[in-house]
Amino acid sequence: MTQLASSANAAQAELWNGELGRKWAAEQNDLDNMLAPLGLAGIAKANFRPGENVIDIGCGCGATSLAIAEKIRPGGQALGVDISAPMLERAQARAAAAGAGNAAFTLADASTHPFAPASADAVFSRFGVMFFADPMSAFANIRTALKPGGRACLVVWRPVKENPWVMKSLVIAAKHVVMPAPAGPEDPGPFSFGDPARVTRILEGAGFKNVKLEPQNQLITIGAGRDLDGAVDFLLGIGPIRMILAEQTPALREKVSSEIKTAMAADYGAQGLRMGTATWIVTATNK
């Protein structure tokens, strides 16, 4: 697949076309199992119907695009858009294996990509819209793809402090290492859509109407099928703590990891490592 030539979000493009993108592609199955309940809740809320055309922003390895493609058959088309070539290669292979002829994928930055005007009935995203350098401009561009009255449905994280699957390890790490300064209220990042007032301001500023945020609290299974040590190692390799631990000495990394595993033993049971999440399902319509 051709690499993304340029991007208004160059740092994100570099990140997701490098080691992290390759890691997420390689661990696609475990990540899908982990995030599936959150994405499926959003897809249910979006109420996709046969014959609709849907754009999936930040589709990654294609799990949500393929789920949407199934909902909109016959006659509908799902277009997955992402800046990560390694993840889109995985998405295309999965679509081919599944015989999902109504799912296509495009390597592009959704904030600037020239979408076909008024071509989509809906846009969807599961954790793919929180990293735009200029989110209002990005959503204004995305809105151009929607038909009049078209709808948006986004699954985004609520504030980090409301997400035990992240906070539990961060609190333990903070006892041992110097933590990075928290992101500013307007900075991009995984939890940058946690403030409902900010989300509403961005979407309304981009021209959307009827913006609503519905809170969801769900358990997820982390590293399904692994023992406690394996599940925690998986989490530490893909969560926000990954870069924090990468900067520490091997001895300190081991000390922090061991303490986290001890703390998370209470979350581990017959179904594996089960931890709480807090998300918004954001819905809006094109004016």
C-alpha atoms as a PDB file:
ATOM      1  CA  MET A   1       0.000   0.000   0.000  1.00  0.00           C
ATOM      2  CA  THR A   2       1.270   3.481  -0.849  1.00  0.00           C
ATOM      3  CA  GLN A   3       2.472   5.436   2.158  1.00  0.00           C
ATOM      4  CA  LEU A   4       0.619   8.585   3.193  1.00  0.00           C
ATOM      5  CA  ALA A   5       2.410  11.358   1.327  1.00  0.00           C
ATOM      6  CA  SER A   6       1.637  14.210   3.691  1.00  0.00           C
ATOM      7  CA  SER A   7      -0.645  14.923   6.573  1.00  0.00           C
ATOM      8  CA  ALA A   8      -1.919  17.851   8.576  1.00  0.00           C
ATOM      9  CA  ASN A   9      -1.334  15.528  11.534  1.00  0.00           C
ATOM     10  CA  ALA A  10       2.237  14.573  10.636  1.00  0.00           C
ATOM     11  CA  ALA A  11       3.238  13.397  14.108  1.00  0.00           C
ATOM     12  CA  GLN A  12       0.298  11.000  14.271  1.00  0.00           C
ATOM     13  CA  ALA A  13       1.004   9.768  10.738  1.00  0.00           C
ATOM     14  CA  GLU A  14       4.621   9.038  11.673  1.00  0.00           C
ATOM     15  CA  LEU A  15       3.573   7.256  14.879  1.00  0.00           C
ATOM     16  CA  TRP A  16       0.948   5.002  13.281  1.00  0.00           C
ATOM     17  CA  ASN A  17       3.094   4.163  10.251  1.00  0.00           C
ATOM     18  CA  GLY A  18       5.966   3.130  12.488  1.00  0.00           C
ATOM     19  CA  GLU A  19       6.467   0.610  15.261  1.00  0.00           C
ATOM     20  CA  LEU A  20       3.150   1.311  16.991  1.00  0.00           C
ATOM     21  CA  GLY A  21       1.101   0.791  13.838  1.00  0.00           C
ATOM     22  CA  ARG A  22       2.914  -2.469  13.126  1.00  0.00           C
ATOM     23  CA  LYS A  23       2.354  -3.596  16.721  1.00  0.00           C
ATOM     24  CA  TRP A  24      -1.377  -2.893  16.587  1.00  0.00           C
ATOM     25  CA  ALA A  25      -1.639  -4.728  13.260  1.00  0.00           C
ATOM     26  CA  ALA A  26       0.208  -7.739  14.685  1.00  0.00           C
ATOM     27  CA  GLU A  27      -1.974  -7.791  17.812  1.00  0.00           C
ATOM     28  CA  GLN A  28      -5.200  -7.049  15.936  1.00  0.00           C
ATOM     29  CA  ASN A  29      -7.059 -10.074  17.319  1.00  0.00           C
ATOM     30  CA  ASP A  30      -6.437  -9.232  20.988  1.00  0.00           C
ATOM     31  CA  LEU A  31      -7.187  -5.553  20.416  1.00  0.00           C
ATOM     32  CA  ASP A  32     -10.439  -6.396  18.621  1.00  0.00           C
ATOM     33  CA  ASN A  33     -11.525  -8.623  21.506  1.00  0.00           C
ATOM     34  CA  MET A  34     -10.688  -5.872  23.968  1.00  0.00           C
ATOM     35  CA  LEU A  35     -12.463  -3.012  22.193  1.00  0.00           C
ATOM     36  CA  ALA A  36     -15.335  -4.904  20.547  1.00  0.00           C
ATOM     37  CA  PRO A  37     -18.011  -4.159  23.193  1.00  0.00           C
ATOM     38  CA  LEU A  38     -17.282  -0.433  22.970  1.00  0.00           C
ATOM     39  CA  GLY A  39     -17.433  -0.251  19.185  1.00  0.00           C
ATOM     40  CA  LEU A  40     -20.508  -2.469  18.939  1.00  0.00           C
ATOM     41  CA  ALA A  41     -22.370  -0.220  21.382  1.00  0.00           C
ATOM     42  CA  GLY A  42     -21.696   2.698  19.057  1.00  0.00           C
ATOM     43  CA  ILE A  43     -22.729   0.751  15.973  1.00  0.00           C
ATOM     44  CA  ALA A  44     -25.993  -0.216  17.661  1.00  0.00           C
ATOM     45  CA  LYS A  45     -26.635   3.429  18.524  1.00  0.00           C
ATOM     46  CA  ALA A  46     -25.933   4.508  14.926  1.00  0.00           C
ATOM     47  CA  ASN A  47     -28.717   2.226  13.654  1.00  0.00           C
ATOM     48  CA  PHE A  48     -27.152   1.605  10.260  1.00  0.00           C
ATOM     49  CA  ARG A  49     -29.571   0.334   7.614  1.00  0.00           C
ATOM     50  CA  PRO A  50     -29.257  -1.666   4.383  1.00  0.00           C
ATOM     51  CA  GLY A  51     -28.328   0.477   1.409  1.00  0.00           C
ATOM     52  CA  GLU A  52     -26.543   3.211   3.383  1.00  0.00           C
ATOM     53  CA  ASN A  53     -23.070   4.534   2.601  1.00  0.00           C
ATOM     54  CA  VAL A  54     -20.945   4.910   5.742  1.00  0.00           C
ATOM     55  CA  ILE A  55     -17.457   6.321   6.325  1.00  0.00           C
ATOM     56  CA  ASP A  56     -15.497   4.824   9.236  1.00  0.00           C
ATOM     57  CA  ILE A  57     -12.922   7.372  10.449  1.00  0.00           C
ATOM     58  CA  GLY A  58      -9.750   5.954  12.010  1.00  0.00           C
ATOM     59  CA  CYS A  59     -10.819   2.421  11.110  1.00  0.00           C
ATOM     60  CA  GLY A  60      -7.495   0.822  12.035  1.00  0.00           C
ATOM     61  CA  CYS A  61      -7.448  -2.900  11.238  1.00  0.00           C
ATOM     62  CA  GLY A  62     -11.027  -2.776  10.009  1.00  0.00           C
ATOM     63  CA  ALA A  63     -13.107  -4.439  12.729  1.00  0.00           C
ATOM     64  CA  THR A  64     -15.707  -1.676  12.860  1.00  0.00           C
ATOM     65  CA  SER A  65     -15.739  -1.217   9.073  1.00  0.00           C
ATOM     66  CA  LEU A  66     -16.489  -4.912   8.584  1.00  0.00           C
ATOM     67  CA  ALA A  67     -19.214  -4.847  11.247  1.00  0.00           C
ATOM     68  CA  ILE A  68     -20.782  -1.820   9.549  1.00  0.00           C
ATOM     69  CA  ALA A  69     -20.505  -3.442   6.109  1.00  0.00           C
ATOM     70  CA  GLU A  70     -22.556  -6.357   7.377  1.00  0.00           C
ATOM     71  CA  LYS A  71     -25.269  -4.030   8.719  1.00  0.00           C
ATOM     72  CA  ILE A  72     -25.687  -2.101   5.470  1.00  0.00           C
ATOM     73  CA  ARG A  73     -26.009  -5.052   3.076  1.00  0.00           C
ATOM     74  CA  PRO A  74     -27.474  -5.219   0.517  1.00  0.00           C
ATOM     75  CA  GLY A  75     -26.645  -2.091  -1.429  1.00  0.00           C
ATOM     76  CA  GLY A  76     -24.589  -0.201   1.146  1.00  0.00           C
ATOM     77  CA  GLN A  77     -20.889   0.641   1.055  1.00  0.00           C
ATOM     78  CA  ALA A  78     -18.505   1.030   3.995  1.00  0.00           C
ATOM     79  CA  LEU A  79     -15.349   3.112   3.510  1.00  0.00           C
ATOM     80  CA  GLY A  80     -12.671   2.795   6.171  1.00  0.00           C
ATOM     81  CA  VAL A  81     -10.215   5.696   6.391  1.00  0.00           C
ATOM     82  CA  ASP A  82      -6.975   5.671   8.389  1.00  0.00           C
ATOM     83  CA  ILE A  83      -3.477   7.159   8.344  1.00  0.00           C
ATOM     84  CA  SER A  84      -1.767   3.837   9.204  1.00  0.00           C
ATOM     85  CA  ALA A  85      -0.609   1.775   6.211  1.00  0.00           C
ATOM     86  CA  PRO A  86       0.266  -1.305   8.332  1.00  0.00           C
ATOM     87  CA  MET A  87      -3.193  -1.366   9.887  1.00  0.00           C
ATOM     88  CA  LEU A  88      -4.997  -0.791   6.594  1.00  0.00           C
ATOM     89  CA  GLU A  89      -3.062  -3.639   4.987  1.00  0.00           C
ATOM     90  CA  ARG A  90      -4.439  -5.858   7.726  1.00  0.00           C
ATOM     91  CA  ALA A  91      -7.952  -4.436   7.205  1.00  0.00           C
ATOM     92  CA  GLN A  92      -7.844  -5.140   3.471  1.00  0.00           C
ATOM     93  CA  ALA A  93      -6.658  -8.702   4.037  1.00  0.00           C
ATOM     94  CA  ARG A  94      -9.469  -9.312   6.526  1.00  0.00           C
ATOM     95  CA  ALA A  95     -12.085  -7.899   4.150  1.00  0.00           C
ATOM     96  CA  ALA A  96     -10.830 -10.138   1.338  1.00  0.00           C
ATOM     97  CA  ALA A  97     -10.847 -13.208   3.597  1.00  0.00           C
ATOM     98  CA  ALA A  98     -14.400 -12.424   4.719  1.00  0.00           C
ATOM     99  CA  GLY A  99     -15.633 -11.803   1.190  1.00  0.00           C
ATOM    100  CA  ALA A 100     -16.765  -8.327   2.271  1.00  0.00           C
ATOM    101  CA  GLY A 101     -16.980  -6.775  -1.179  1.00  0.00           C
ATOM    102  CA  ASN A 102     -18.852  -3.743   0.144  1.00  0.00           C
ATOM    103  CA  ALA A 103     -15.973  -2.702   2.433  1.00  0.00           C
ATOM    104  CA  ALA A 104     -13.156  -0.573   0.993  1.00  0.00           C
ATOM    105  CA  PHE A 105     -10.244   1.207   2.647  1.00  0.00           C
ATOM    106  CA  THR A 106      -8.389   4.440   1.945  1.00  0.00           C
ATOM    107  CA  LEU A 107      -5.035   5.603   3.331  1.00  0.00           C
ATOM    108  CA  ALA A 108      -5.761   9.250   4.119  1.00  0.00           C
ATOM    109  CA  ASP A 109      -5.889  11.952   6.768  1.00  0.00           C
ATOM    110  CA  ALA A 110      -9.614  12.477   7.319  1.00  0.00           C
ATOM    111  CA  SER A 111      -9.008  16.057   8.436  1.00  0.00           C
ATOM    112  CA  THR A 112      -7.976  17.116   4.917  1.00  0.00           C
ATOM    113  CA  HIS A 113      -8.972  14.270   2.584  1.00  0.00           C
ATOM    114  CA  PRO A 114     -11.153  15.432  -0.335  1.00  0.00           C
ATOM    115  CA  PHE A 115     -14.189  13.262   0.337  1.00  0.00           C
ATOM    116  CA  ALA A 116     -16.825  13.028  -2.370  1.00  0.00           C
ATOM    117  CA  PRO A 117     -19.280  15.782  -1.363  1.00  0.00           C
ATOM    118  CA  ALA A 118     -22.622  14.709   0.107  1.00  0.00           C
ATOM    119  CA  SER A 119     -21.888  11.053  -0.622  1.00  0.00           C
ATOM    120  CA  ALA A 120     -22.356   9.423   2.804  1.00  0.00           C
ATOM    121  CA  ASP A 121     -25.422   8.773   4.898  1.00  0.00           C
ATOM    122  CA  ALA A 122     -23.322   8.540   8.064  1.00  0.00           C
ATOM    123  CA  VAL A 123     -19.841   8.775   9.507  1.00  0.00           C
ATOM    124  CA  PHE A 124     -18.664   6.598  12.373  1.00  0.00           C
ATOM    125  CA  SER A 125     -15.571   6.356  14.515  1.00  0.00           C
ATOM    126  CA  ARG A 126     -14.367   4.189  17.372  1.00  0.00           C
ATOM    127  CA  PHE A 127     -11.503   6.088  19.034  1.00  0.00           C
ATOM    128  CA  GLY A 128     -10.288   7.579  15.760  1.00  0.00           C
ATOM    129  CA  VAL A 129     -11.100  11.288  16.085  1.00  0.00           C
ATOM    130  CA  MET A 130      -9.356  12.475  19.266  1.00  0.00           C
ATOM    131  CA  PHE A 131      -5.955  13.170  17.693  1.00  0.00           C
ATOM    132  CA  PHE A 132      -6.658  15.923  15.161  1.00  0.00           C
ATOM    133  CA  ALA A 133      -4.352  18.933  15.487  1.00  0.00           C
ATOM    134  CA  ASP A 134      -7.264  21.196  14.515  1.00  0.00           C
ATOM    135  CA  PRO A 135     -10.404  19.214  15.365  1.00  0.00           C
ATOM    136  CA  MET A 136     -12.942  21.854  14.333  1.00  0.00           C
ATOM    137  CA  SER A 137     -11.411  22.134  10.873  1.00  0.00           C
ATOM    138  CA  ALA A 138     -11.161  18.342  10.650  1.00  0.00           C
ATOM    139  CA  PHE A 139     -14.818  17.841  11.439  1.00  0.00           C
ATOM    140  CA  ALA A 140     -15.827  20.596   9.033  1.00  0.00           C
ATOM    141  CA  ASN A 141     -13.993  18.638   6.336  1.00  0.00           C
ATOM    142  CA  ILE A 142     -15.573  15.341   7.384  1.00  0.00           C
ATOM    143  CA  ARG A 143     -19.022  16.953   7.345  1.00  0.00           C
ATOM    144  CA  THR A 144     -18.629  17.775   3.646  1.00  0.00           C
ATOM    145  CA  ALA A 145     -18.908  14.030   2.973  1.00  0.00           C
ATOM    146  CA  LEU A 146     -22.359  13.838   4.575  1.00  0.00           C
ATOM    147  CA  LYS A 147     -25.625  14.176   2.752  1.00  0.00           C
ATOM    148  CA  PRO A 148     -28.050  16.829   4.085  1.00  0.00           C
ATOM    149  CA  GLY A 149     -29.430  15.393   7.304  1.00  0.00           C
ATOM    150  CA  GLY A 150     -26.665  12.786   7.447  1.00  0.00           C
ATOM    151  CA  ARG A 151     -25.545  11.669  10.873  1.00  0.00           C
ATOM    152  CA  ALA A 152     -22.371  11.141  12.870  1.00  0.00           C
ATOM    153  CA  CYS A 153     -21.776   8.604  15.627  1.00  0.00           C
ATOM    154  CA  LEU A 154     -18.491   8.638  17.543  1.00  0.00           C
ATOM    155  CA  VAL A 155     -17.197   6.493  20.393  1.00  0.00           C
ATOM    156  CA  VAL A 156     -14.638   8.432  22.448  1.00  0.00           C
ATOM    157  CA  TRP A 157     -13.067   8.062  25.874  1.00  0.00           C
ATOM    158  CA  ARG A 158     -14.368  10.008  28.844  1.00  0.00           C
ATOM    159  CA  PRO A 159     -11.675  11.579  31.090  1.00  0.00           C
ATOM    160  CA  VAL A 160      -8.778   9.327  32.022  1.00  0.00           C
ATOM    161  CA  LYS A 161      -9.645   9.491  35.737  1.00  0.00           C
ATOM    162  CA  GLU A 162     -12.944   7.753  34.943  1.00  0.00           C
ATOM    163  CA  ASN A 163     -11.218   4.834  33.172  1.00  0.00           C
ATOM    164  CA  PRO A 164      -9.883   2.241  35.651  1.00  0.00           C
ATOM    165  CA  TRP A 165      -8.257   0.225  32.857  1.00  0.00           C
ATOM    166  CA  VAL A 166      -5.792   3.116  32.478  1.00  0.00           C
ATOM    167  CA  MET A 167      -5.798   4.830  35.856  1.00  0.00           C
ATOM    168  CA  LYS A 168      -4.917   1.816  37.972  1.00  0.00           C
ATOM    169  CA  SER A 169      -1.509   1.394  36.329  1.00  0.00           C
ATOM    170  CA  LEU A 170      -0.832   5.144  36.114  1.00  0.00           C
ATOM    171  CA  VAL A 171      -1.430   5.627  39.851  1.00  0.00           C
ATOM    172  CA  ILE A 172       1.054   2.867  40.648  1.00  0.00           C
ATOM    173  CA  ALA A 173       3.636   4.164  38.179  1.00  0.00           C
ATOM    174  CA  ALA A 174       3.380   7.650  39.696  1.00  0.00           C
ATOM    175  CA  LYS A 175       4.747   6.278  42.960  1.00  0.00           C
ATOM    176  CA  HIS A 176       8.027   5.377  41.273  1.00  0.00           C
ATOM    177  CA  VAL A 177       8.642   7.597  38.239  1.00  0.00           C
ATOM    178  CA  VAL A 178       8.334  11.227  37.228  1.00  0.00           C
ATOM    179  CA  MET A 179       5.125  11.398  35.248  1.00  0.00           C
ATOM    180  CA  PRO A 180       4.812  13.566  32.124  1.00  0.00           C
ATOM    181  CA  ALA A 181       2.888  16.802  32.401  1.00  0.00           C
ATOM    182  CA  PRO A 182      -0.807  16.293  31.687  1.00  0.00           C
ATOM    183  CA  ALA A 183      -2.077  17.291  28.272  1.00  0.00           C
ATOM    184  CA  GLY A 184      -3.651  20.736  28.007  1.00  0.00           C
ATOM    185  CA  PRO A 185      -7.427  21.049  27.571  1.00  0.00           C
ATOM    186  CA  GLU A 186      -7.085  21.695  23.820  1.00  0.00           C
ATOM    187  CA  ASP A 187      -4.260  19.243  23.117  1.00  0.00           C
ATOM    188  CA  PRO A 188      -4.914  16.136  21.003  1.00  0.00           C
ATOM    189  CA  GLY A 189      -4.709  12.785  22.725  1.00  0.00           C
ATOM    190  CA  PRO A 190      -6.728   9.684  23.585  1.00  0.00           C
ATOM    191  CA  PHE A 191      -8.764  11.444  26.290  1.00  0.00           C
ATOM    192  CA  SER A 192      -9.081  14.842  24.607  1.00  0.00           C
ATOM    193  CA  PHE A 193     -12.806  14.370  23.959  1.00  0.00           C
ATOM    194  CA  GLY A 194     -13.594  13.709  27.606  1.00  0.00           C
ATOM    195  CA  ASP A 195     -15.113  17.162  28.231  1.00  0.00           C
ATOM    196  CA  PRO A 196     -18.650  17.219  26.787  1.00  0.00           C
ATOM    197  CA  ALA A 197     -18.646  21.016  26.513  1.00  0.00           C
ATOM    198  CA  ARG A 198     -15.505  20.880  24.348  1.00  0.00           C
ATOM    199  CA  VAL A 199     -16.930  18.129  22.140  1.00  0.00           C
ATOM    200  CA  THR A 200     -20.131  20.097  21.638  1.00  0.00           C
ATOM    201  CA  ARG A 201     -18.190  23.281  20.859  1.00  0.00           C
ATOM    202  CA  ILE A 202     -16.024  21.508  18.271  1.00  0.00           C
ATOM    203  CA  LEU A 203     -18.869  19.768  16.475  1.00  0.00           C
ATOM    204  CA  GLU A 204     -21.187  22.768  16.481  1.00  0.00           C
ATOM    205  CA  GLY A 205     -18.317  24.953  15.284  1.00  0.00           C
ATOM    206  CA  ALA A 206     -17.825  22.505  12.413  1.00  0.00           C
ATOM    207  CA  GLY A 207     -21.473  22.878  11.415  1.00  0.00           C
ATOM    208  CA  PHE A 208     -23.067  19.855  13.095  1.00  0.00           C
ATOM    209  CA  LYS A 209     -26.430  20.073  14.843  1.00  0.00           C
ATOM    210  CA  ASN A 210     -28.235  18.083  17.541  1.00  0.00           C
ATOM    211  CA  VAL A 211     -25.011  17.120  19.346  1.00  0.00           C
ATOM    212  CA  LYS A 212     -25.670  14.633  22.148  1.00  0.00           C
ATOM    213  CA  LEU A 213     -23.332  12.659  24.413  1.00  0.00           C
ATOM    214  CA  GLU A 214     -24.474   9.436  26.061  1.00  0.00           C
ATOM    215  CA  PRO A 215     -22.232   7.961  28.778  1.00  0.00           C
ATOM    216  CA  GLN A 216     -21.342   4.279  28.635  1.00  0.00           C
ATOM    217  CA  ASN A 217     -19.693   2.212  31.377  1.00  0.00           C
ATOM    218  CA  GLN A 218     -18.586  -1.217  30.222  1.00  0.00           C
ATOM    219  CA  LEU A 219     -16.179  -3.943  31.228  1.00  0.00           C
ATOM    220  CA  ILE A 220     -13.587  -5.059  28.708  1.00  0.00           C
ATOM    221  CA  THR A 221     -11.434  -8.184  28.606  1.00  0.00           C
ATOM    222  CA  ILE A 222      -7.743  -7.354  28.280  1.00  0.00           C
ATOM    223  CA  GLY A 223      -5.455  -9.927  26.670  1.00  0.00           C
ATOM    224  CA  ALA A 224      -8.175 -12.562  26.403  1.00  0.00           C
ATOM    225  CA  GLY A 225      -6.945 -16.111  26.948  1.00  0.00           C
ATOM    226  CA  ARG A 226      -3.752 -15.020  28.731  1.00  0.00           C
ATOM    227  CA  ASP A 227      -2.758 -15.551  32.348  1.00  0.00           C
ATOM    228  CA  LEU A 228      -2.542 -12.515  34.635  1.00  0.00           C
ATOM    229  CA  ASP A 229       1.089 -11.754  33.821  1.00  0.00           C
ATOM    230  CA  GLY A 230       0.475 -12.037  30.093  1.00  0.00           C
ATOM    231  CA  ALA A 231      -2.660  -9.910  30.185  1.00  0.00           C
ATOM    232  CA  VAL A 232      -0.966  -7.135  32.153  1.00  0.00           C
ATOM    233  CA  ASP A 233       2.084  -7.241  29.869  1.00  0.00           C
ATOM    234  CA  PHE A 234      -0.290  -6.837  26.907  1.00  0.00           C
ATOM    235  CA  LEU A 235      -1.974  -3.852  28.560  1.00  0.00           C
ATOM    236  CA  LEU A 236       1.322  -2.188  29.420  1.00  0.00           C
ATOM    237  CA  GLY A 237       2.407  -2.594  25.807  1.00  0.00           C
ATOM    238  CA  ILE A 238      -0.588  -0.818  24.261  1.00  0.00           C
ATOM    239  CA  GLY A 239      -1.895   1.589  26.909  1.00  0.00           C
ATOM    240  CA  PRO A 240      -0.822   5.167  27.701  1.00  0.00           C
ATOM    241  CA  ILE A 241       1.751   3.889  30.191  1.00  0.00           C
ATOM    242  CA  ARG A 242       3.756   2.303  27.362  1.00  0.00           C
ATOM    243  CA  MET A 243       5.934   5.351  26.667  1.00  0.00           C
ATOM    244  CA  ILE A 244       6.367   6.146  30.356  1.00  0.00           C
ATOM    245  CA  LEU A 245       7.823   2.714  31.096  1.00  0.00           C
ATOM    246  CA  ALA A 246       9.929   2.763  27.924  1.00  0.00           C
ATOM    247  CA  GLU A 247      11.955   5.651  29.359  1.00  0.00           C
ATOM    248  CA  GLN A 248      12.822   3.825  32.608  1.00  0.00           C
ATOM    249  CA  THR A 249      15.669   1.474  33.446  1.00  0.00           C
ATOM    250  CA  PRO A 250      14.943  -2.264  33.059  1.00  0.00           C
ATOM    251  CA  ALA A 251      15.012  -2.705  36.841  1.00  0.00           C
ATOM    252  CA  LEU A 252      12.512   0.083  37.431  1.00  0.00           C
ATOM    253  CA  ARG A 253      10.259  -1.157  34.626  1.00  0.00           C
ATOM    254  CA  GLU A 254      10.225  -4.585  36.246  1.00  0.00           C
ATOM    255  CA  LYS A 255       9.467  -3.123  39.670  1.00  0.00           C
ATOM    256  CA  VAL A 256       6.525  -1.063  38.382  1.00  0.00           C
ATOM    257  CA  SER A 257       5.199  -3.913  36.252  1.00  0.00           C
ATOM    258  CA  SER A 258       5.346  -6.326  39.170  1.00  0.00           C
ATOM    259  CA  GLU A 259       3.431  -3.942  41.421  1.00  0.00           C
ATOM    260  CA  ILE A 260       0.799  -3.390  38.745  1.00  0.00           C
ATOM    261  CA  LYS A 261       0.331  -7.136  38.330  1.00  0.00           C
ATOM    262  CA  THR A 262      -0.155  -7.531  42.064  1.00  0.00           C
ATOM    263  CA  ALA A 263      -2.759  -4.758  42.105  1.00  0.00           C
ATOM    264  CA  MET A 264      -4.621  -6.154  39.099  1.00  0.00           C
ATOM    265  CA  ALA A 265      -4.898  -9.649  40.535  1.00  0.00           C
ATOM    266  CA  ALA A 266      -8.232  -8.496  41.985  1.00  0.00           C
ATOM    267  CA  ASP A 267      -9.488  -7.826  38.442  1.00  0.00           C
ATOM    268  CA  TYR A 268      -8.511 -11.244  37.119  1.00  0.00           C
ATOM    269  CA  GLY A 269     -10.948 -14.155  37.157  1.00  0.00           C
ATOM    270  CA  ALA A 270     -12.440 -16.961  35.098  1.00  0.00           C
ATOM    271  CA  GLN A 271     -13.088 -14.572  32.196  1.00  0.00           C
ATOM    272  CA  GLY A 272      -9.573 -13.130  32.305  1.00  0.00           C
ATOM    273  CA  LEU A 273      -8.490  -9.595  33.138  1.00  0.00           C
ATOM    274  CA  ARG A 274     -11.724  -7.592  33.232  1.00  0.00           C
ATOM    275  CA  MET A 275     -11.560  -3.853  33.851  1.00  0.00           C
ATOM    276  CA  GLY A 276     -13.892  -0.897  33.662  1.00  0.00           C
ATOM    277  CA  THR A 277     -14.091   1.669  30.886  1.00  0.00           C
ATOM    278  CA  ALA A 278     -15.903   4.993  30.544  1.00  0.00           C
ATOM    279  CA  THR A 279     -16.830   6.321  27.111  1.00  0.00           C
ATOM    280  CA  TRP A 280     -19.151   8.752  25.390  1.00  0.00           C
ATOM    281  CA  ILE A 281     -21.265   7.808  22.404  1.00  0.00           C
ATOM    282  CA  VAL A 282     -21.518  11.110  20.588  1.00  0.00           C
ATOM    283  CA  THR A 283     -24.248  11.635  18.003  1.00  0.00           C
ATOM    284  CA  ALA A 284     -24.882  14.624  15.741  1.00  0.00           C
ATOM    285  CA  THR A 285     -26.504  15.483  12.426  1.00  0.00           C
ATOM    286  CA  ASN A 286     -25.473  17.453   9.380  1.00  0.00           C
ATOM    287  CA  LYS A 287     -27.428  20.689   9.119  1.00  0.00           C
END
